[in-house]
Amino acid sequence: MQVLKIFCPVCGHRATIRKSNRKHREISDVYCACNDVECGHTYVLNITFSHTISPSAKSDEHIQTMIENFNPHQRQLALGLLNSSTV
């Protein structure tokens, strides 16, 4: 498992995440401190979601969007198919 490595923007040494503040599902402020005692720089990084590489198996948003665009007849057919596959 790969771990996110944070580096000080001033001296380039490794830094430690001290705290994080989740502002939104896709945005966090990460409070960091340089591990070099001679530097001692503390700063905030903004981490944001960019894009999906492989969709989550837990997501049903795509299916919901498709069903919302169905006409009433298509919805009934889909419901019938779903009910028949669970029996």
PDB file of N, CA and C in Angstrom:
ATOM      1  N   MET A   1       0.843  -1.188   0.000  1.00  0.00           N
ATOM      2  CA  MET A   1       0.000   0.000   0.000  1.00  0.00           C
ATOM      3  C   MET A   1       0.882   1.243   0.000  1.00  0.00           C
ATOM      4  N   GLN A   2       0.615   2.123  -0.910  1.00  0.00           N
ATOM      5  CA  GLN A   2       1.379   3.361  -1.022  1.00  0.00           C
ATOM      6  C   GLN A   2       0.798   4.409  -0.077  1.00  0.00           C
ATOM      7  N   VAL A   3       1.685   5.168   0.557  1.00  0.00           N
ATOM      8  CA  VAL A   3       1.275   6.216   1.483  1.00  0.00           C
ATOM      9  C   VAL A   3       1.642   7.561   0.870  1.00  0.00           C
ATOM     10  N   LEU A   4       0.777   8.537   1.048  1.00  0.00           N
ATOM     11  CA  LEU A   4       1.040   9.875   0.542  1.00  0.00           C
ATOM     12  C   LEU A   4       2.222  10.480   1.281  1.00  0.00           C
ATOM     13  N   LYS A   5       3.227  10.902   0.535  1.00  0.00           N
ATOM     14  CA  LYS A   5       4.392  11.544   1.141  1.00  0.00           C
ATOM     15  C   LYS A   5       4.271  13.047   0.927  1.00  0.00           C
ATOM     16  N   ILE A   6       4.392  13.777   2.006  1.00  0.00           N
ATOM     17  CA  ILE A   6       4.286  15.232   1.971  1.00  0.00           C
ATOM     18  C   ILE A   6       5.676  15.816   2.177  1.00  0.00           C
ATOM     19  N   PHE A   7       6.012  16.814   1.369  1.00  0.00           N
ATOM     20  CA  PHE A   7       7.317  17.464   1.476  1.00  0.00           C
ATOM     21  C   PHE A   7       7.137  18.958   1.731  1.00  0.00           C
ATOM     22  N   CYS A   8       8.036  19.508   2.513  1.00  0.00           N
ATOM     23  CA  CYS A   8       8.013  20.932   2.834  1.00  0.00           C
ATOM     24  C   CYS A   8       8.292  21.742   1.563  1.00  0.00           C
ATOM     25  N   PRO A   9       7.455  22.728   1.244  1.00  0.00           N
ATOM     26  CA  PRO A   9       7.688  23.540   0.051  1.00  0.00           C
ATOM     27  C   PRO A   9       8.861  24.513   0.205  1.00  0.00           C
ATOM     28  N   VAL A  10       9.350  24.692   1.446  1.00  0.00           N
ATOM     29  CA  VAL A  10      10.454  25.629   1.678  1.00  0.00           C
ATOM     30  C   VAL A  10      11.802  24.929   1.577  1.00  0.00           C
ATOM     31  N   CYS A  11      11.979  23.840   2.366  1.00  0.00           N
ATOM     32  CA  CYS A  11      13.295  23.195   2.419  1.00  0.00           C
ATOM     33  C   CYS A  11      13.350  21.840   1.714  1.00  0.00           C
ATOM     34  N   GLY A  12      12.202  21.267   1.385  1.00  0.00           N
ATOM     35  CA  GLY A  12      12.172  20.001   0.660  1.00  0.00           C
ATOM     36  C   GLY A  12      12.210  18.749   1.513  1.00  0.00           C
ATOM     37  N   HIS A  13      12.344  18.901   2.841  1.00  0.00           N
ATOM     38  CA  HIS A  13      12.347  17.730   3.722  1.00  0.00           C
ATOM     39  C   HIS A  13      10.927  17.179   3.863  1.00  0.00           C
ATOM     40  N   ARG A  14      10.849  15.939   4.370  1.00  0.00           N
ATOM     41  CA  ARG A  14       9.541  15.320   4.608  1.00  0.00           C
ATOM     42  C   ARG A  14       8.777  16.134   5.645  1.00  0.00           C
ATOM     43  N   ALA A  15       7.463  16.084   5.543  1.00  0.00           N
ATOM     44  CA  ALA A  15       6.595  16.787   6.486  1.00  0.00           C
ATOM     45  C   ALA A  15       5.555  15.803   7.008  1.00  0.00           C
ATOM     46  N   THR A  16       4.945  16.167   8.120  1.00  0.00           N
ATOM     47  CA  THR A  16       3.936  15.331   8.755  1.00  0.00           C
ATOM     48  C   THR A  16       2.597  16.053   8.741  1.00  0.00           C
ATOM     49  N   ILE A  17       1.551  15.290   8.458  1.00  0.00           N
ATOM     50  CA  ILE A  17       0.198  15.847   8.534  1.00  0.00           C
ATOM     51  C   ILE A  17      -0.204  15.874   9.999  1.00  0.00           C
ATOM     52  N   ARG A  18      -0.532  17.040  10.504  1.00  0.00           N
ATOM     53  CA  ARG A  18      -0.917  17.207  11.909  1.00  0.00           C
ATOM     54  C   ARG A  18      -2.427  17.148  12.108  1.00  0.00           C
ATOM     55  N   LYS A  19      -3.153  17.615  11.095  1.00  0.00           N
ATOM     56  CA  LYS A  19      -4.607  17.704  11.233  1.00  0.00           C
ATOM     57  C   LYS A  19      -5.211  17.857   9.844  1.00  0.00           C
ATOM     58  N   SER A  20      -6.452  17.449   9.700  1.00  0.00           N
ATOM     59  CA  SER A  20      -7.154  17.698   8.443  1.00  0.00           C
ATOM     60  C   SER A  20      -8.554  18.220   8.746  1.00  0.00           C
ATOM     61  N   ASN A  21      -9.038  19.048   7.847  1.00  0.00           N
ATOM     62  CA  ASN A  21     -10.361  19.648   7.987  1.00  0.00           C
ATOM     63  C   ASN A  21     -11.121  19.393   6.690  1.00  0.00           C
ATOM     64  N   ARG A  22     -12.086  18.498   6.749  1.00  0.00           N
ATOM     65  CA  ARG A  22     -12.858  18.167   5.555  1.00  0.00           C
ATOM     66  C   ARG A  22     -13.933  19.226   5.339  1.00  0.00           C
ATOM     67  N   LYS A  23     -13.782  19.994   4.270  1.00  0.00           N
ATOM     68  CA  LYS A  23     -14.718  21.069   3.952  1.00  0.00           C
ATOM     69  C   LYS A  23     -15.913  20.555   3.152  1.00  0.00           C
ATOM     70  N   HIS A  24     -15.675  19.537   2.376  1.00  0.00           N
ATOM     71  CA  HIS A  24     -16.679  18.978   1.475  1.00  0.00           C
ATOM     72  C   HIS A  24     -16.248  17.553   1.180  1.00  0.00           C
ATOM     73  N   ARG A  25     -17.127  16.784   0.603  1.00  0.00           N
ATOM     74  CA  ARG A  25     -16.818  15.405   0.246  1.00  0.00           C
ATOM     75  C   ARG A  25     -15.567  15.299  -0.626  1.00  0.00           C
ATOM     76  N   GLU A  26     -15.289  16.345  -1.386  1.00  0.00           N
ATOM     77  CA  GLU A  26     -14.185  16.314  -2.337  1.00  0.00           C
ATOM     78  C   GLU A  26     -13.093  17.347  -2.050  1.00  0.00           C
ATOM     79  N   ILE A  27     -13.161  18.038  -0.917  1.00  0.00           N
ATOM     80  CA  ILE A  27     -12.176  19.077  -0.596  1.00  0.00           C
ATOM     81  C   ILE A  27     -11.775  18.978   0.872  1.00  0.00           C
ATOM     82  N   SER A  28     -10.462  18.969   1.124  1.00  0.00           N
ATOM     83  CA  SER A  28      -9.956  18.963   2.502  1.00  0.00           C
ATOM     84  C   SER A  28      -8.779  19.917   2.631  1.00  0.00           C
ATOM     85  N   ASP A  29      -8.678  20.558   3.790  1.00  0.00           N
ATOM     86  CA  ASP A  29      -7.478  21.300   4.165  1.00  0.00           C
ATOM     87  C   ASP A  29      -6.644  20.369   5.031  1.00  0.00           C
ATOM     88  N   VAL A  30      -5.358  20.254   4.712  1.00  0.00           N
ATOM     89  CA  VAL A  30      -4.461  19.382   5.459  1.00  0.00           C
ATOM     90  C   VAL A  30      -3.374  20.253   6.080  1.00  0.00           C
ATOM     91  N   TYR A  31      -3.303  20.231   7.405  1.00  0.00           N
ATOM     92  CA  TYR A  31      -2.333  21.040   8.140  1.00  0.00           C
ATOM     93  C   TYR A  31      -1.056  20.225   8.318  1.00  0.00           C
ATOM     94  N   CYS A  32       0.061  20.779   7.851  1.00  0.00           N
ATOM     95  CA  CYS A  32       1.328  20.050   7.823  1.00  0.00           C
ATOM     96  C   CYS A  32       2.413  20.793   8.585  1.00  0.00           C
ATOM     97  N   ALA A  33       3.428  20.018   9.014  1.00  0.00           N
ATOM     98  CA  ALA A  33       4.592  20.591   9.692  1.00  0.00           C
ATOM     99  C   ALA A  33       5.845  19.909   9.161  1.00  0.00           C
ATOM    100  N   CYS A  34       6.843  20.696   8.826  1.00  0.00           N
ATOM    101  CA  CYS A  34       8.115  20.175   8.339  1.00  0.00           C
ATOM    102  C   CYS A  34       8.796  19.373   9.445  1.00  0.00           C
ATOM    103  N   ASN A  35       9.378  18.218   9.082  1.00  0.00           N
ATOM    104  CA  ASN A  35      10.072  17.370  10.049  1.00  0.00           C
ATOM    105  C   ASN A  35      11.483  17.863  10.369  1.00  0.00           C
ATOM    106  N   ASP A  36      12.005  18.793   9.578  1.00  0.00           N
ATOM    107  CA  ASP A  36      13.332  19.358   9.840  1.00  0.00           C
ATOM    108  C   ASP A  36      13.191  20.419  10.936  1.00  0.00           C
ATOM    109  N   VAL A  37      13.768  20.138  12.107  1.00  0.00           N
ATOM    110  CA  VAL A  37      13.621  21.058  13.245  1.00  0.00           C
ATOM    111  C   VAL A  37      14.234  22.424  12.967  1.00  0.00           C
ATOM    112  N   GLU A  38      15.233  22.486  12.100  1.00  0.00           N
ATOM    113  CA  GLU A  38      15.842  23.775  11.772  1.00  0.00           C
ATOM    114  C   GLU A  38      14.922  24.615  10.881  1.00  0.00           C
ATOM    115  N   CYS A  39      14.060  23.969  10.136  1.00  0.00           N
ATOM    116  CA  CYS A  39      13.107  24.688   9.279  1.00  0.00           C
ATOM    117  C   CYS A  39      11.855  25.035  10.087  1.00  0.00           C
ATOM    118  N   GLY A  40      11.145  24.018  10.549  1.00  0.00           N
ATOM    119  CA  GLY A  40       9.965  24.233  11.385  1.00  0.00           C
ATOM    120  C   GLY A  40       8.760  24.845  10.686  1.00  0.00           C
ATOM    121  N   HIS A  41       8.785  24.863   9.373  1.00  0.00           N
ATOM    122  CA  HIS A  41       7.690  25.470   8.600  1.00  0.00           C
ATOM    123  C   HIS A  41       6.376  24.715   8.828  1.00  0.00           C
ATOM    124  N   THR A  42       5.301  25.444   9.098  1.00  0.00           N
ATOM    125  CA  THR A  42       3.961  24.854   9.164  1.00  0.00           C
ATOM    126  C   THR A  42       3.116  25.510   8.078  1.00  0.00           C
ATOM    127  N   TYR A  43       2.254  24.708   7.457  1.00  0.00           N
ATOM    128  CA  TYR A  43       1.499  25.204   6.308  1.00  0.00           C
ATOM    129  C   TYR A  43       0.253  24.355   6.086  1.00  0.00           C
ATOM    130  N   VAL A  44      -0.593  24.823   5.194  1.00  0.00           N
ATOM    131  CA  VAL A  44      -1.839  24.125   4.876  1.00  0.00           C
ATOM    132  C   VAL A  44      -1.829  23.754   3.395  1.00  0.00           C
ATOM    133  N   LEU A  45      -2.152  22.498   3.118  1.00  0.00           N
ATOM    134  CA  LEU A  45      -2.337  22.036   1.745  1.00  0.00           C
ATOM    135  C   LEU A  45      -3.832  21.881   1.492  1.00  0.00           C
ATOM    136  N   ASN A  46      -4.247  22.166   0.275  1.00  0.00           N
ATOM    137  CA  ASN A  46      -5.632  21.920  -0.133  1.00  0.00           C
ATOM    138  C   ASN A  46      -5.638  20.662  -0.987  1.00  0.00           C
ATOM    139  N   ILE A  47      -6.365  19.659  -0.557  1.00  0.00           N
ATOM    140  CA  ILE A  47      -6.471  18.420  -1.318  1.00  0.00           C
ATOM    141  C   ILE A  47      -7.871  18.360  -1.911  1.00  0.00           C
ATOM    142  N   THR A  48      -7.927  18.187  -3.233  1.00  0.00           N
ATOM    143  CA  THR A  48      -9.219  18.137  -3.913  1.00  0.00           C
ATOM    144  C   THR A  48      -9.320  16.894  -4.789  1.00  0.00           C
ATOM    145  N   PHE A  49     -10.534  16.414  -4.951  1.00  0.00           N
ATOM    146  CA  PHE A  49     -10.818  15.316  -5.865  1.00  0.00           C
ATOM    147  C   PHE A  49     -10.685  15.842  -7.283  1.00  0.00           C
ATOM    148  N   SER A  50     -10.043  15.076  -8.141  1.00  0.00           N
ATOM    149  CA  SER A  50      -9.872  15.493  -9.523  1.00  0.00           C
ATOM    150  C   SER A  50     -10.831  14.761 -10.457  1.00  0.00           C
ATOM    151  N   HIS A  51     -10.669  13.448 -10.580  1.00  0.00           N
ATOM    152  CA  HIS A  51     -11.526  12.683 -11.478  1.00  0.00           C
ATOM    153  C   HIS A  51     -11.450  11.197 -11.134  1.00  0.00           C
ATOM    154  N   THR A  52     -12.389  10.436 -11.638  1.00  0.00           N
ATOM    155  CA  THR A  52     -12.453   9.003 -11.385  1.00  0.00           C
ATOM    156  C   THR A  52     -11.666   8.253 -12.446  1.00  0.00           C
ATOM    157  N   ILE A  53     -10.869   7.290 -12.001  1.00  0.00           N
ATOM    158  CA  ILE A  53     -10.139   6.419 -12.921  1.00  0.00           C
ATOM    159  C   ILE A  53     -10.936   5.136 -13.149  1.00  0.00           C
ATOM    160  N   SER A  54     -11.425   4.567 -12.072  1.00  0.00           N
ATOM    161  CA  SER A  54     -12.249   3.360 -12.133  1.00  0.00           C
ATOM    162  C   SER A  54     -13.436   3.570 -11.199  1.00  0.00           C
ATOM    163  N   PRO A  55     -14.657   3.493 -11.695  1.00  0.00           N
ATOM    164  CA  PRO A  55     -15.814   3.782 -10.845  1.00  0.00           C
ATOM    165  C   PRO A  55     -15.957   2.801  -9.688  1.00  0.00           C
ATOM    166  N   SER A  56     -16.506   3.275  -8.612  1.00  0.00           N
ATOM    167  CA  SER A  56     -16.734   2.458  -7.424  1.00  0.00           C
ATOM    168  C   SER A  56     -17.814   1.422  -7.694  1.00  0.00           C
ATOM    169  N   ALA A  57     -17.628   0.246  -7.135  1.00  0.00           N
ATOM    170  CA  ALA A  57     -18.650  -0.795  -7.240  1.00  0.00           C
ATOM    171  C   ALA A  57     -19.841  -0.462  -6.353  1.00  0.00           C
ATOM    172  N   LYS A  58     -19.670   0.472  -5.440  1.00  0.00           N
ATOM    173  CA  LYS A  58     -20.743   0.858  -4.524  1.00  0.00           C
ATOM    174  C   LYS A  58     -21.645   1.948  -5.097  1.00  0.00           C
ATOM    175  N   SER A  59     -21.254   2.545  -6.194  1.00  0.00           N
ATOM    176  CA  SER A  59     -21.998   3.675  -6.751  1.00  0.00           C
ATOM    177  C   SER A  59     -23.179   3.202  -7.591  1.00  0.00           C
ATOM    178  N   ASP A  60     -24.333   3.763  -7.321  1.00  0.00           N
ATOM    179  CA  ASP A  60     -25.507   3.461  -8.138  1.00  0.00           C
ATOM    180  C   ASP A  60     -26.045   4.720  -8.823  1.00  0.00           C
ATOM    181  N   GLU A  61     -25.244   5.782  -8.820  1.00  0.00           N
ATOM    182  CA  GLU A  61     -25.670   7.040  -9.435  1.00  0.00           C
ATOM    183  C   GLU A  61     -25.942   6.870 -10.925  1.00  0.00           C
ATOM    184  N   HIS A  62     -25.108   6.079 -11.598  1.00  0.00           N
ATOM    185  CA  HIS A  62     -25.267   5.879 -13.041  1.00  0.00           C
ATOM    186  C   HIS A  62     -26.608   5.212 -13.333  1.00  0.00           C
ATOM    187  N   ILE A  63     -26.941   4.196 -12.553  1.00  0.00           N
ATOM    188  CA  ILE A  63     -28.212   3.491 -12.745  1.00  0.00           C
ATOM    189  C   ILE A  63     -29.387   4.421 -12.452  1.00  0.00           C
ATOM    190  N   GLN A  64     -29.280   5.199 -11.378  1.00  0.00           N
ATOM    191  CA  GLN A  64     -30.358   6.139 -11.042  1.00  0.00           C
ATOM    192  C   GLN A  64     -30.574   7.154 -12.158  1.00  0.00           C
ATOM    193  N   THR A  65     -29.494   7.656 -12.721  1.00  0.00           N
ATOM    194  CA  THR A  65     -29.594   8.629 -13.808  1.00  0.00           C
ATOM    195  C   THR A  65     -30.280   8.006 -15.021  1.00  0.00           C
ATOM    196  N   MET A  66     -29.908   6.768 -15.343  1.00  0.00           N
ATOM    197  CA  MET A  66     -30.535   6.090 -16.479  1.00  0.00           C
ATOM    198  C   MET A  66     -32.030   5.903 -16.245  1.00  0.00           C
ATOM    199  N   ILE A  67     -32.400   5.435 -15.049  1.00  0.00           N
ATOM    200  CA  ILE A  67     -33.811   5.180 -14.748  1.00  0.00           C
ATOM    201  C   ILE A  67     -34.623   6.473 -14.768  1.00  0.00           C
ATOM    202  N   GLU A  68     -34.032   7.572 -14.302  1.00  0.00           N
ATOM    203  CA  GLU A  68     -34.727   8.864 -14.326  1.00  0.00           C
ATOM    204  C   GLU A  68     -35.054   9.300 -15.752  1.00  0.00           C
ATOM    205  N   ASN A  69     -34.230   8.876 -16.712  1.00  0.00           N
ATOM    206  CA  ASN A  69     -34.447   9.249 -18.113  1.00  0.00           C
ATOM    207  C   ASN A  69     -35.385   8.300 -18.850  1.00  0.00           C
ATOM    208  N   PHE A  70     -35.789   7.200 -18.221  1.00  0.00           N
ATOM    209  CA  PHE A  70     -36.724   6.252 -18.834  1.00  0.00           C
ATOM    210  C   PHE A  70     -38.121   6.860 -18.906  1.00  0.00           C
ATOM    211  N   ASN A  71     -38.862   6.444 -19.936  1.00  0.00           N
ATOM    212  CA  ASN A  71     -40.284   6.785 -19.962  1.00  0.00           C
ATOM    213  C   ASN A  71     -41.014   5.779 -19.070  1.00  0.00           C
ATOM    214  N   PRO A  72     -42.299   6.014 -18.742  1.00  0.00           N
ATOM    215  CA  PRO A  72     -43.008   5.113 -17.818  1.00  0.00           C
ATOM    216  C   PRO A  72     -42.996   3.642 -18.247  1.00  0.00           C
ATOM    217  N   HIS A  73     -43.126   3.376 -19.547  1.00  0.00           N
ATOM    218  CA  HIS A  73     -43.112   1.988 -20.034  1.00  0.00           C
ATOM    219  C   HIS A  73     -41.746   1.334 -19.781  1.00  0.00           C
ATOM    220  N   GLN A  74     -40.668   2.071 -20.073  1.00  0.00           N
ATOM    221  CA  GLN A  74     -39.318   1.539 -19.847  1.00  0.00           C
ATOM    222  C   GLN A  74     -39.073   1.275 -18.362  1.00  0.00           C
ATOM    223  N   ARG A  75     -39.600   2.140 -17.508  1.00  0.00           N
ATOM    224  CA  ARG A  75     -39.452   1.929 -16.058  1.00  0.00           C
ATOM    225  C   ARG A  75     -40.143   0.642 -15.623  1.00  0.00           C
ATOM    226  N   GLN A  76     -41.344   0.397 -16.145  1.00  0.00           N
ATOM    227  CA  GLN A  76     -42.069  -0.831 -15.801  1.00  0.00           C
ATOM    228  C   GLN A  76     -41.290  -2.059 -16.261  1.00  0.00           C
ATOM    229  N   LEU A  77     -40.740  -2.012 -17.472  1.00  0.00           N
ATOM    230  CA  LEU A  77     -39.940  -3.130 -17.979  1.00  0.00           C
ATOM    231  C   LEU A  77     -38.718  -3.370 -17.093  1.00  0.00           C
ATOM    232  N   ALA A  78     -38.027  -2.294 -16.727  1.00  0.00           N
ATOM    233  CA  ALA A  78     -36.842  -2.423 -15.871  1.00  0.00           C
ATOM    234  C   ALA A  78     -37.217  -2.998 -14.516  1.00  0.00           C
ATOM    235  N   LEU A  79     -38.314  -2.526 -13.950  1.00  0.00           N
ATOM    236  CA  LEU A  79     -38.779  -3.035 -12.661  1.00  0.00           C
ATOM    237  C   LEU A  79     -39.109  -4.520 -12.756  1.00  0.00           C
ATOM    238  N   GLY A  80     -39.760  -4.915 -13.848  1.00  0.00           N
ATOM    239  CA  GLY A  80     -40.067  -6.329 -14.062  1.00  0.00           C
ATOM    240  C   GLY A  80     -38.813  -7.177 -14.150  1.00  0.00           C
ATOM    241  N   LEU A  81     -37.806  -6.692 -14.862  1.00  0.00           N
ATOM    242  CA  LEU A  81     -36.539  -7.426 -14.976  1.00  0.00           C
ATOM    243  C   LEU A  81     -35.839  -7.538 -13.626  1.00  0.00           C
ATOM    244  N   LEU A  82     -35.843  -6.462 -12.879  1.00  0.00           N
ATOM    245  CA  LEU A  82     -35.197  -6.488 -11.562  1.00  0.00           C
ATOM    246  C   LEU A  82     -35.914  -7.441 -10.616  1.00  0.00           C
ATOM    247  N   ASN A  83     -37.234  -7.438 -10.639  1.00  0.00           N
ATOM    248  CA  ASN A  83     -38.005  -8.334  -9.771  1.00  0.00           C
ATOM    249  C   ASN A  83     -37.818  -9.793 -10.156  1.00  0.00           C
ATOM    250  N   SER A  84     -37.718 -10.082 -11.458  1.00  0.00           N
ATOM    251  CA  SER A  84     -37.562 -11.474 -11.893  1.00  0.00           C
ATOM    252  C   SER A  84     -36.174 -12.015 -11.567  1.00  0.00           C
ATOM    253  N   SER A  85     -35.171 -11.147 -11.505  1.00  0.00           N
ATOM    254  CA  SER A  85     -33.809 -11.623 -11.211  1.00  0.00           C
ATOM    255  C   SER A  85     -33.586 -11.849  -9.719  1.00  0.00           C
ATOM    256  N   THR A  86     -34.448 -11.306  -8.860  1.00  0.00           N
ATOM    257  CA  THR A  86     -34.276 -11.494  -7.416  1.00  0.00           C
ATOM    258  C   THR A  86     -35.012 -12.717  -6.907  1.00  0.00           C
ATOM    259  N   VAL A  87     -35.868 -13.316  -7.730  1.00  0.00           N
ATOM    260  CA  VAL A  87     -36.658 -14.483  -7.304  1.00  0.00           C
ATOM    261  C   VAL A  87     -35.865 -15.745  -7.498  1.00  0.00           C
TER     262      VAL A  87
END
